[in-house]
Amino acid sequence: MLVSTAGVQAVHTVDRGRRSFLRRFFAIGHGVFAIAIVLAAALRCLVMLGYDTAQLYWYDSFTYLHTAVHLQPSGAFHPAGYSFFLRLLLPFHSVELVAGVQHVMGLGMALMIYLVLRRRSLPGWGATLATLPVLFNPAFLRLEHAVLSDTQVTFLVVSALTVLLWRTRPSVRACVAVGLLLALAGLTRTVAVPLLGLVLIHLIVQRAGRRQMIALAVAGLLPLAGYAGWYQAHHGRFALSGSDGVALWARTMTFADCSVIKPPAEEAKLCPNGTVVDAASEYVWAAGASLNRLPGDRFSHNDLARSFALRAIAAQPLDYLGAVVHDTSLAFAWTPVRHPLRVSPALTFPHGSWPLPSFPLIDKVRGEYDGGIRGMSSVEPYGSVLAAYALPAVLHGPLLGTMLLLGGLGSIGRRRAALLPWATAAFLLVAPVAALDFDHRYVLPAIPVACLAAALGVTSLAVGLRRIQSSVIARRHRPGSRTRPAGKPGRDAWGSRG
């Protein structure tokens, strides 16, 4: 009887402790975010149930998977950073597991944004609001469910910003971590490499200290240099990829005028030849484009293409700037624009089945990485539920523009907490367009960072307004200030007698 009574008391004690913890948890504002992230996790579980496998794209997914099995740097577009991640999961031989881990990354990004904002004194509801685009936008969930590098590079950038913004003055150890994370992001997608320079400038402006700057530079540059040396051993060129020149050449094809550029004879072979496609990136693959009419593989002419592109930009800088501005503006369209025309903006979840094409590389990857690789199909009844889930178009372009505006305004003045996230988001938005072309996929890595910048920007603006209000009140009550005696007529705000 005594044992039974003691057991009941212990159960009641645990129950009271659990209720006390939940009360404290909700009292400090975490409850709203807890509900949001649980719903987002449930949505991701529904996605895993709603499709019979991960989404695989020709040819990106299969080059990533092939590189994961045969570790060597690709001579084309993709550095091997994402393939390193796929290599870690190779023993499980499951692309579905890859998708599952990436869904956890998506939740992790939202959690990091929330924690940084709470640490910066935002209320729970405000910090949660900033995570909603990451948690519930179908475009993010679709990328998480695909064998593509987008989720990884976004996760690494958000992780780096989280470490850097955790304290006002980052430690040397934190700067080492930030450098390594940004190096991995650059090895996942080369457009992230310049973020190292951006963060270094931030540390200089913040006067973070010489040791912190050196730690960031060394930790960031050593992995990049090591990879470039590995790339040189395989391809004879100290670089991270073999496509930068080809991409920039394609960018110039929308405006290049060789009568203005006047290229030398060898580069003149890359002038526009009358082939017209609907987007700059399509010139990379257009069979009739001048680059693809040269003998050999297109990437074997990467250096020549870069030389032509740089000459074209130098000769027509305003045309290049105009092309970049025009294509970047597509990100803010009220109704998402199809660019290129073959690509549909991911406003909803797909429904149906998508067979894989027939290529030897697909059969090889199926035999080496996952024998169950196949085209993706919806699974009922979950697929129909997902098909009914959609976000209004206004929550895409206009929302992104609003977040960047708030982040930019909040970066002005002495309180510049939003400046680095805002600059990072702006760079991630513009850089892919400047280097190649606009694509809705390329916009997505900028959105979580823009959410962070907007929330910090609103906080800075609120603090600034309160400071101005306090200054005005203090000036009114300062001894010797000219205030109107009670009951005596004065002038109202429009200058008329009261």
Protein backbone atom coordinates (compact mmCIF):
# COMPACT_ATOMS: atom_id res chain seq x y z
CA MET A 1 0.00 0.00 0.00
CA LEU A 2 2.87 2.32 0.87
CA VAL A 3 4.57 1.49 -2.44
CA SER A 4 1.36 2.15 -4.34
CA THR A 5 0.87 5.50 -2.59
CA ALA A 6 4.47 6.50 -3.29
CA GLY A 7 4.03 5.56 -6.95
CA VAL A 8 0.89 7.64 -7.26
CA GLN A 9 2.64 10.59 -5.63
CA ALA A 10 5.57 10.22 -8.04
CA VAL A 11 3.20 10.21 -11.01
CA HIS A 12 1.46 13.32 -9.70
CA THR A 13 4.85 15.01 -9.17
CA VAL A 14 5.92 14.23 -12.74
CA ASP A 15 2.56 15.40 -14.05
CA ARG A 16 2.81 18.66 -12.10
CA GLY A 17 6.37 19.13 -13.36
CA ARG A 18 5.24 18.55 -16.96
CA ARG A 19 2.40 21.04 -16.61
CA SER A 20 4.74 23.55 -14.99
CA PHE A 21 7.21 23.16 -17.85
CA LEU A 22 4.48 23.64 -20.45
CA ARG A 23 3.21 26.76 -18.66
CA ARG A 24 6.73 28.22 -18.61
CA PHE A 25 7.26 27.18 -22.24
CA PHE A 26 4.13 28.98 -23.42
CA ALA A 27 4.67 31.91 -21.05
CA ILE A 28 7.98 32.83 -22.69
CA GLY A 29 6.36 32.82 -26.12
CA HIS A 30 7.60 29.55 -27.66
CA GLY A 31 4.12 28.05 -27.90
CA VAL A 32 3.18 29.72 -31.19
CA PHE A 33 6.37 28.53 -32.86
CA ALA A 34 5.92 25.03 -31.41
CA ILE A 35 2.49 24.79 -33.04
CA ALA A 36 3.84 26.11 -36.35
CA ILE A 37 6.79 23.75 -36.53
CA VAL A 38 4.66 20.73 -35.56
CA LEU A 39 2.23 21.57 -38.38
CA ALA A 40 5.16 22.06 -40.78
CA ALA A 41 6.62 18.69 -39.74
CA ALA A 42 3.23 17.07 -40.33
CA LEU A 43 3.10 18.65 -43.79
CA ARG A 44 6.53 17.22 -44.58
CA CYS A 45 5.41 13.79 -43.41
CA LEU A 46 2.45 14.15 -45.76
CA VAL A 47 4.85 14.92 -48.62
CA MET A 48 6.87 11.79 -47.82
CA LEU A 49 3.64 9.76 -47.86
CA GLY A 50 2.24 11.56 -50.91
CA TYR A 51 5.04 10.54 -53.31
CA ASP A 52 6.52 7.09 -53.80
CA THR A 53 10.11 8.34 -54.15
CA ALA A 54 12.21 11.50 -54.26
CA GLN A 55 12.00 13.82 -57.25
CA LEU A 56 14.89 13.23 -59.67
CA TYR A 57 15.77 15.62 -62.47
CA TRP A 58 17.69 15.00 -65.64
CA TYR A 59 20.45 15.74 -65.70
CA ASP A 60 21.30 17.49 -62.41
CA SER A 61 20.20 14.82 -59.94
CA PHE A 62 22.05 12.06 -61.73
CA THR A 63 25.32 13.95 -62.08
CA TYR A 64 25.19 14.66 -58.33
CA LEU A 65 24.55 10.97 -57.57
CA HIS A 66 27.19 9.77 -60.01
CA THR A 67 29.79 12.08 -58.48
CA ALA A 68 28.81 10.81 -55.02
CA VAL A 69 29.74 7.28 -56.06
CA HIS A 70 32.85 8.21 -58.07
CA LEU A 71 34.31 11.05 -56.03
CA GLN A 72 35.97 13.40 -58.46
CA PRO A 73 35.21 17.02 -59.35
CA SER A 74 32.86 17.54 -62.25
CA GLY A 75 34.21 19.48 -65.19
CA ALA A 76 30.79 21.04 -65.86
CA PHE A 77 28.39 23.07 -63.71
CA HIS A 78 28.30 21.35 -60.35
CA PRO A 79 31.05 21.40 -57.72
CA ALA A 80 31.09 18.32 -55.52
CA GLY A 81 29.84 19.80 -52.22
CA TYR A 82 26.34 18.35 -52.54
CA SER A 83 27.76 15.06 -53.75
CA PHE A 84 29.80 14.86 -50.51
CA PHE A 85 26.49 14.94 -48.61
CA LEU A 86 25.02 12.26 -50.89
CA ARG A 87 28.16 10.20 -50.32
CA LEU A 88 27.51 10.21 -46.56
CA LEU A 89 24.12 8.62 -47.22
CA LEU A 90 25.41 6.16 -49.85
CA PRO A 91 25.52 3.16 -47.42
CA PHE A 92 21.72 3.37 -47.12
CA HIS A 93 21.18 3.28 -50.94
CA SER A 94 18.00 5.35 -50.68
CA VAL A 95 17.09 8.61 -52.39
CA GLU A 96 13.99 8.67 -50.18
CA LEU A 97 16.31 9.00 -47.16
CA VAL A 98 18.04 11.91 -48.90
CA ALA A 99 14.67 13.64 -49.18
CA GLY A 100 13.85 12.89 -45.55
CA VAL A 101 17.11 14.41 -44.30
CA GLN A 102 16.51 17.49 -46.45
CA HIS A 103 13.04 17.91 -44.96
CA VAL A 104 14.72 17.98 -41.53
CA MET A 105 17.08 20.64 -42.89
CA GLY A 106 14.06 22.73 -43.86
CA LEU A 107 12.71 22.56 -40.32
CA GLY A 108 16.20 23.30 -39.01
CA MET A 109 16.40 26.51 -41.04
CA ALA A 110 13.15 27.75 -39.54
CA LEU A 111 14.35 26.84 -36.03
CA MET A 112 17.61 28.78 -36.52
CA ILE A 113 15.79 31.86 -37.79
CA TYR A 114 13.42 31.69 -34.83
CA LEU A 115 16.20 31.33 -32.25
CA VAL A 116 18.24 34.21 -33.65
CA LEU A 117 15.21 36.51 -33.64
CA ARG A 118 14.22 35.54 -30.09
CA ARG A 119 17.79 36.22 -29.00
CA ARG A 120 17.43 39.64 -30.63
CA SER A 121 14.38 40.30 -28.40
CA LEU A 122 11.60 39.67 -30.89
CA PRO A 123 8.36 38.34 -29.38
CA GLY A 124 7.46 34.73 -30.07
CA TRP A 125 4.70 35.57 -32.54
CA GLY A 126 6.97 37.95 -34.48
CA ALA A 127 9.83 35.46 -34.73
CA THR A 128 7.39 32.73 -35.77
CA LEU A 129 5.92 34.95 -38.48
CA ALA A 130 9.38 35.25 -40.06
CA THR A 131 9.67 31.46 -40.33
CA LEU A 132 6.34 30.81 -42.07
CA PRO A 133 7.59 31.14 -45.69
CA VAL A 134 10.25 28.50 -44.98
CA LEU A 135 7.85 26.22 -43.13
CA PHE A 136 4.84 26.26 -45.45
CA ASN A 137 5.82 27.43 -48.95
CA PRO A 138 5.33 24.49 -51.39
CA ALA A 139 8.40 25.63 -53.34
CA PHE A 140 10.65 24.87 -50.36
CA LEU A 141 9.05 21.52 -49.65
CA ARG A 142 9.34 20.49 -53.29
CA LEU A 143 13.07 21.29 -53.30
CA GLU A 144 13.55 19.45 -50.02
CA HIS A 145 11.96 16.42 -51.68
CA ALA A 146 14.24 16.60 -54.72
CA VAL A 147 17.82 15.45 -55.23
CA LEU A 148 19.09 18.98 -55.83
CA SER A 149 21.64 21.15 -54.03
CA ASP A 150 19.31 24.07 -53.22
CA THR A 151 18.25 22.95 -49.74
CA GLN A 152 21.82 22.22 -48.65
CA VAL A 153 23.27 25.55 -49.78
CA THR A 154 20.42 27.47 -48.12
CA PHE A 155 20.82 25.49 -44.90
CA LEU A 156 24.57 26.20 -44.82
CA VAL A 157 24.12 29.96 -45.41
CA VAL A 158 21.44 30.24 -42.72
CA SER A 159 23.67 28.23 -40.34
CA ALA A 160 26.58 30.59 -40.97
CA LEU A 161 24.45 33.67 -40.30
CA THR A 162 23.04 32.07 -37.15
CA VAL A 163 26.53 31.52 -35.73
CA LEU A 164 27.66 35.00 -36.73
CA LEU A 165 24.62 36.83 -35.34
CA TRP A 166 24.37 34.84 -32.11
CA ARG A 167 26.55 37.39 -30.33
CA THR A 168 27.17 41.04 -31.09
CA ARG A 169 30.91 40.35 -31.26
CA PRO A 170 31.66 36.85 -32.63
CA SER A 171 34.45 34.82 -31.08
CA VAL A 172 37.41 33.40 -32.99
CA ARG A 173 35.84 29.94 -32.75
CA ALA A 174 32.57 31.26 -34.17
CA CYS A 175 34.42 32.87 -37.09
CA VAL A 176 36.15 29.56 -37.84
CA ALA A 177 32.74 27.86 -37.92
CA VAL A 178 31.31 30.58 -40.18
CA GLY A 179 34.26 30.29 -42.56
CA LEU A 180 33.87 26.51 -42.83
CA LEU A 181 30.11 26.73 -43.34
CA LEU A 182 30.46 29.33 -46.10
CA ALA A 183 33.23 27.31 -47.75
CA LEU A 184 30.91 24.28 -47.80
CA ALA A 185 28.16 26.50 -49.22
CA GLY A 186 30.56 27.66 -51.95
CA LEU A 187 31.48 24.07 -52.75
CA THR A 188 27.79 23.25 -52.96
CA ARG A 189 27.03 26.14 -55.28
CA THR A 190 29.80 28.48 -56.42
CA VAL A 191 27.53 31.54 -56.29
CA ALA A 192 27.94 31.43 -52.47
CA VAL A 193 31.75 31.85 -52.57
CA PRO A 194 31.69 35.70 -52.55
CA LEU A 195 29.71 35.59 -49.29
CA LEU A 196 33.06 35.03 -47.58
CA GLY A 197 34.15 38.48 -48.73
CA LEU A 198 30.81 39.98 -47.71
CA VAL A 199 31.11 38.58 -44.18
CA LEU A 200 34.73 39.71 -43.96
CA ILE A 201 33.65 43.27 -44.83
CA HIS A 202 30.99 42.97 -42.13
CA LEU A 203 33.63 42.03 -39.54
CA ILE A 204 35.80 44.98 -40.60
CA VAL A 205 32.89 47.42 -40.32
CA GLN A 206 31.93 45.95 -36.94
CA ARG A 207 35.56 46.14 -35.78
CA ALA A 208 35.31 42.53 -34.70
CA GLY A 209 39.07 42.12 -34.26
CA ARG A 210 42.04 41.01 -36.31
CA ARG A 211 42.05 37.45 -34.96
CA GLN A 212 38.40 36.99 -35.93
CA MET A 213 39.06 38.24 -39.47
CA ILE A 214 42.07 35.98 -39.93
CA ALA A 215 40.16 33.00 -38.54
CA LEU A 216 37.28 33.56 -40.96
CA ALA A 217 39.56 34.02 -43.97
CA VAL A 218 41.74 30.98 -43.24
CA ALA A 219 38.83 28.67 -42.37
CA GLY A 220 36.96 29.75 -45.49
CA LEU A 221 39.76 29.85 -48.04
CA LEU A 222 41.65 26.66 -47.15
CA PRO A 223 38.81 24.26 -48.12
CA LEU A 224 38.21 26.21 -51.32
CA ALA A 225 41.91 26.16 -52.21
CA GLY A 226 42.12 22.46 -51.42
CA TYR A 227 39.16 21.70 -53.66
CA ALA A 228 40.58 23.89 -56.45
CA GLY A 229 43.84 21.94 -56.22
CA TRP A 230 41.88 18.67 -56.45
CA TYR A 231 40.02 20.07 -59.46
CA GLN A 232 43.34 21.03 -61.09
CA ALA A 233 44.67 17.50 -60.63
CA HIS A 234 41.71 16.17 -62.66
CA HIS A 235 41.09 18.96 -65.16
CA GLY A 236 44.35 20.93 -65.37
CA ARG A 237 42.86 24.20 -64.11
CA PHE A 238 42.88 25.75 -60.62
CA ALA A 239 39.14 26.38 -60.25
CA LEU A 240 35.97 25.21 -58.53
CA SER A 241 34.05 24.37 -61.71
CA GLY A 242 34.40 24.42 -65.46
CA SER A 243 31.28 26.36 -66.32
CA ASP A 244 31.71 29.95 -65.14
CA GLY A 245 32.74 31.20 -68.57
CA VAL A 246 29.98 29.27 -70.36
CA ALA A 247 27.36 30.66 -67.96
CA LEU A 248 28.55 34.26 -68.34
CA TRP A 249 28.71 33.89 -72.11
CA ALA A 250 25.06 32.74 -72.11
CA ARG A 251 24.17 35.80 -70.02
CA THR A 252 25.63 38.11 -72.70
CA MET A 253 23.77 36.46 -75.56
CA THR A 254 20.62 38.47 -74.75
CA PHE A 255 22.36 41.78 -75.57
CA ALA A 256 25.77 41.18 -77.19
CA ASP A 257 26.46 43.24 -80.34
CA CYS A 258 29.74 42.25 -81.93
CA SER A 259 29.84 45.43 -84.01
CA VAL A 260 30.28 47.21 -80.68
CA ILE A 261 32.36 44.55 -78.91
CA LYS A 262 34.80 44.03 -81.82
CA PRO A 263 36.20 40.73 -80.48
CA PRO A 264 39.37 39.13 -81.89
CA ALA A 265 38.94 36.46 -84.51
CA GLU A 266 38.98 33.51 -82.12
CA GLU A 267 36.34 35.03 -79.83
CA ALA A 268 34.23 36.21 -82.77
CA LYS A 269 33.17 32.59 -83.23
CA LEU A 270 31.05 33.07 -80.09
CA CYS A 271 29.09 36.07 -81.38
CA PRO A 272 25.28 35.75 -81.65
CA ASN A 273 24.49 33.84 -84.83
CA GLY A 274 20.75 34.43 -85.17
CA THR A 275 19.64 31.67 -82.80
CA VAL A 276 17.06 33.14 -80.40
CA VAL A 277 15.71 31.43 -77.27
CA ASP A 278 13.40 32.69 -74.51
CA ALA A 279 15.98 33.01 -71.69
CA ALA A 280 19.72 33.51 -71.35
CA SER A 281 20.28 30.12 -69.68
CA GLU A 282 18.74 28.35 -72.67
CA TYR A 283 21.73 29.38 -74.83
CA VAL A 284 23.87 26.92 -72.86
CA TRP A 285 21.83 24.03 -74.26
CA ALA A 286 20.54 25.41 -77.58
CA ALA A 287 22.04 23.25 -80.32
CA GLY A 288 22.09 26.17 -82.76
CA ALA A 289 23.88 28.61 -80.41
CA SER A 290 27.36 29.64 -81.53
CA LEU A 291 29.15 27.98 -78.59
CA ASN A 292 27.51 24.63 -79.29
CA ARG A 293 28.54 24.72 -82.94
CA LEU A 294 32.23 24.70 -82.02
CA PRO A 295 33.99 21.33 -82.11
CA GLY A 296 34.17 19.42 -78.85
CA ASP A 297 32.22 19.72 -75.63
CA ARG A 298 30.79 23.15 -74.72
CA PHE A 299 32.70 23.21 -71.42
CA SER A 300 36.01 22.66 -73.20
CA HIS A 301 35.61 26.25 -74.46
CA ASN A 302 34.99 27.70 -70.99
CA ASP A 303 38.04 30.01 -70.97
CA LEU A 304 37.27 31.36 -74.44
CA ALA A 305 33.62 31.92 -73.47
CA ARG A 306 34.67 33.82 -70.33
CA SER A 307 37.03 36.02 -72.31
CA PHE A 308 34.27 36.89 -74.79
CA ALA A 309 31.74 37.54 -72.02
CA LEU A 310 34.04 39.88 -70.08
CA ARG A 311 34.83 41.76 -73.29
CA ALA A 312 31.11 42.06 -74.06
CA ILE A 313 30.30 43.39 -70.58
CA ALA A 314 33.15 45.91 -70.75
CA ALA A 315 31.95 47.13 -74.17
CA GLN A 316 28.24 47.20 -73.23
CA PRO A 317 28.03 47.75 -69.45
CA LEU A 318 24.64 49.45 -69.53
CA ASP A 319 23.14 46.69 -71.66
CA TYR A 320 24.48 44.10 -69.22
CA LEU A 321 23.14 46.06 -66.24
CA GLY A 322 19.77 46.44 -67.95
CA ALA A 323 19.54 42.70 -68.59
CA VAL A 324 20.39 41.90 -64.97
CA VAL A 325 17.91 44.46 -63.57
CA HIS A 326 15.13 43.29 -65.90
CA ASP A 327 15.55 39.62 -65.08
CA THR A 328 15.93 40.26 -61.34
CA SER A 329 12.67 42.23 -61.38
CA LEU A 330 10.87 39.02 -62.42
CA ALA A 331 11.29 37.84 -58.82
CA PHE A 332 8.83 40.52 -57.66
CA ALA A 333 6.07 39.93 -60.20
CA TRP A 334 2.55 39.80 -58.79
CA THR A 335 1.83 36.71 -60.88
CA PRO A 336 4.92 34.45 -61.09
CA VAL A 337 6.47 34.54 -64.55
CA ARG A 338 7.52 31.40 -66.42
CA HIS A 339 11.21 31.97 -67.17
CA PRO A 340 12.38 30.00 -69.06
CA LEU A 341 9.03 29.09 -70.56
CA ARG A 342 9.62 25.39 -69.99
CA VAL A 343 9.75 25.98 -66.20
CA SER A 344 6.57 26.41 -64.15
CA PRO A 345 6.79 28.34 -60.84
CA ALA A 346 6.24 25.98 -57.90
CA LEU A 347 3.04 27.43 -56.41
CA THR A 348 1.49 24.02 -55.67
CA PHE A 349 2.45 20.39 -55.19
CA PRO A 350 2.54 18.30 -58.39
CA HIS A 351 0.02 15.53 -58.91
CA GLY A 352 0.43 12.61 -61.29
CA SER A 353 3.45 10.60 -62.41
CA TRP A 354 6.73 11.57 -64.06
CA PRO A 355 8.67 8.75 -65.77
CA LEU A 356 12.43 9.04 -66.12
CA PRO A 357 13.98 9.39 -69.58
CA SER A 358 16.15 6.64 -70.98
CA PHE A 359 19.85 7.44 -70.58
CA PRO A 360 22.83 5.19 -69.78
CA LEU A 361 23.81 7.43 -66.84
CA ILE A 362 20.44 6.80 -65.14
CA ASP A 363 20.91 3.03 -65.40
CA LYS A 364 24.42 3.37 -64.02
CA VAL A 365 23.30 5.47 -61.04
CA ARG A 366 20.44 3.05 -60.38
CA GLY A 367 22.92 0.20 -60.18
CA GLU A 368 25.45 2.05 -58.01
CA TYR A 369 23.49 4.35 -55.67
CA ASP A 370 19.89 3.11 -55.34
CA GLY A 371 18.45 0.15 -57.18
CA GLY A 372 14.93 1.46 -56.55
CA ILE A 373 15.41 4.71 -58.48
CA ARG A 374 12.35 5.38 -60.65
CA GLY A 375 10.13 8.17 -61.83
CA MET A 376 8.10 9.84 -59.08
CA SER A 377 4.34 9.26 -58.75
CA SER A 378 1.64 10.58 -56.43
CA VAL A 379 0.28 8.19 -53.80
CA GLU A 380 -3.42 8.38 -52.94
CA PRO A 381 -5.15 9.69 -50.92
CA TYR A 382 -2.21 11.84 -49.79
CA GLY A 383 -1.40 13.10 -53.28
CA SER A 384 -4.86 14.59 -53.74
CA VAL A 385 -4.61 16.35 -50.36
CA LEU A 386 -1.28 17.89 -51.37
CA ALA A 387 -2.66 18.90 -54.78
CA ALA A 388 -5.32 20.95 -53.00
CA TYR A 389 -2.67 22.80 -50.97
CA ALA A 390 -1.52 26.06 -52.55
CA LEU A 391 -0.34 29.50 -51.51
CA PRO A 392 -1.71 32.67 -53.16
CA ALA A 393 0.64 34.15 -55.74
CA VAL A 394 0.87 37.36 -53.71
CA LEU A 395 2.86 35.45 -51.08
CA HIS A 396 5.70 35.02 -53.57
CA GLY A 397 7.05 38.05 -55.47
CA PRO A 398 5.32 40.91 -53.60
CA LEU A 399 6.13 39.34 -50.23
CA LEU A 400 9.80 38.99 -51.16
CA GLY A 401 9.89 42.64 -52.25
CA THR A 402 8.29 43.74 -48.99
CA MET A 403 10.77 41.74 -46.91
CA LEU A 404 13.76 43.18 -48.78
CA LEU A 405 12.36 46.70 -48.39
CA LEU A 406 11.88 46.26 -44.63
CA GLY A 407 15.33 44.75 -44.26
CA GLY A 408 16.90 47.57 -46.26
CA LEU A 409 15.16 50.31 -44.27
CA GLY A 410 16.13 48.62 -41.03
CA SER A 411 19.78 48.54 -42.13
CA ILE A 412 19.99 52.34 -42.10
CA GLY A 413 21.33 54.09 -39.03
CA ARG A 414 23.36 53.05 -36.03
CA ARG A 415 21.50 49.80 -35.35
CA ARG A 416 22.57 47.68 -38.32
CA ALA A 417 21.63 44.18 -37.17
CA ALA A 418 19.66 43.68 -40.39
CA LEU A 419 22.44 44.89 -42.69
CA LEU A 420 24.36 41.62 -43.13
CA PRO A 421 21.28 39.40 -43.66
CA TRP A 422 19.81 41.99 -46.02
CA ALA A 423 23.03 42.27 -48.05
CA THR A 424 23.29 38.47 -48.13
CA ALA A 425 19.71 38.09 -49.36
CA ALA A 426 20.19 40.79 -52.02
CA PHE A 427 23.40 39.11 -53.20
CA LEU A 428 21.82 35.65 -53.36
CA LEU A 429 18.98 37.13 -55.41
CA VAL A 430 21.06 39.11 -57.91
CA ALA A 431 24.23 37.02 -58.27
CA PRO A 432 22.69 34.06 -60.16
CA VAL A 433 21.04 36.49 -62.58
CA ALA A 434 24.30 38.36 -63.11
CA ALA A 435 26.24 35.13 -63.64
CA LEU A 436 23.69 33.30 -65.80
CA ASP A 437 19.94 33.95 -65.63
CA PHE A 438 16.81 34.28 -63.51
CA ASP A 439 15.11 31.11 -62.34
CA HIS A 440 12.53 30.74 -59.57
CA ARG A 441 14.69 27.98 -58.10
CA TYR A 442 17.61 30.38 -57.78
CA VAL A 443 15.45 32.88 -55.87
CA LEU A 444 14.59 30.48 -53.05
CA PRO A 445 17.94 30.56 -51.17
CA ALA A 446 17.47 34.31 -50.70
CA ILE A 447 14.04 34.00 -49.04
CA PRO A 448 14.97 32.62 -45.57
CA VAL A 449 17.72 35.22 -45.26
CA ALA A 450 15.31 37.95 -46.42
CA CYS A 451 12.85 36.79 -43.71
CA LEU A 452 15.59 37.17 -41.10
CA ALA A 453 16.57 40.59 -42.45
CA ALA A 454 12.96 41.82 -42.52
CA ALA A 455 12.31 40.81 -38.91
CA LEU A 456 15.53 42.44 -37.71
CA GLY A 457 14.76 45.48 -39.86
CA VAL A 458 11.31 45.93 -38.33
CA THR A 459 12.87 45.70 -34.88
CA SER A 460 15.45 48.36 -35.75
CA LEU A 461 12.78 50.63 -37.19
CA ALA A 462 10.63 50.22 -34.07
CA VAL A 463 13.57 51.04 -31.81
CA GLY A 464 14.40 54.08 -33.94
CA LEU A 465 10.83 55.35 -33.78
CA ARG A 466 10.74 54.90 -30.01
CA ARG A 467 14.04 56.78 -29.69
CA ILE A 468 12.68 59.67 -31.76
CA GLN A 469 9.48 59.72 -29.72
CA SER A 470 11.43 59.73 -26.44
CA SER A 471 13.65 62.54 -27.72
CA VAL A 472 10.64 64.65 -28.67
CA ILE A 473 8.99 64.08 -25.28
CA ALA A 474 12.22 64.88 -23.43
CA ARG A 475 12.66 68.09 -25.44
CA ARG A 476 9.15 69.20 -24.59
CA HIS A 477 9.75 68.69 -20.87
CA ARG A 478 13.26 70.12 -20.78
CA PRO A 479 13.64 73.07 -18.32
CA GLY A 480 13.52 76.38 -20.17
CA SER A 481 11.79 74.92 -23.22
CA ARG A 482 9.02 76.99 -24.73
CA THR A 483 5.75 75.26 -23.87
CA ARG A 484 2.29 76.71 -23.97
CA PRO A 485 0.84 77.59 -20.55
CA ALA A 486 -2.33 75.73 -19.73
CA GLY A 487 -5.44 77.51 -20.91
CA LYS A 488 -3.61 80.03 -23.13
CA PRO A 489 -4.52 79.94 -26.84
CA GLY A 490 -1.79 78.77 -29.20
CA ARG A 491 -1.40 77.52 -32.76
CA ASP A 492 -2.38 74.07 -33.89
CA ALA A 493 -0.43 71.94 -36.36
CA TRP A 494 -1.87 73.88 -39.31
CA GLY A 495 -0.81 77.30 -37.91
CA SER A 496 -4.31 78.55 -37.00
CA ARG A 497 -5.29 79.93 -33.59
CA GLY A 498 -6.66 77.37 -31.11
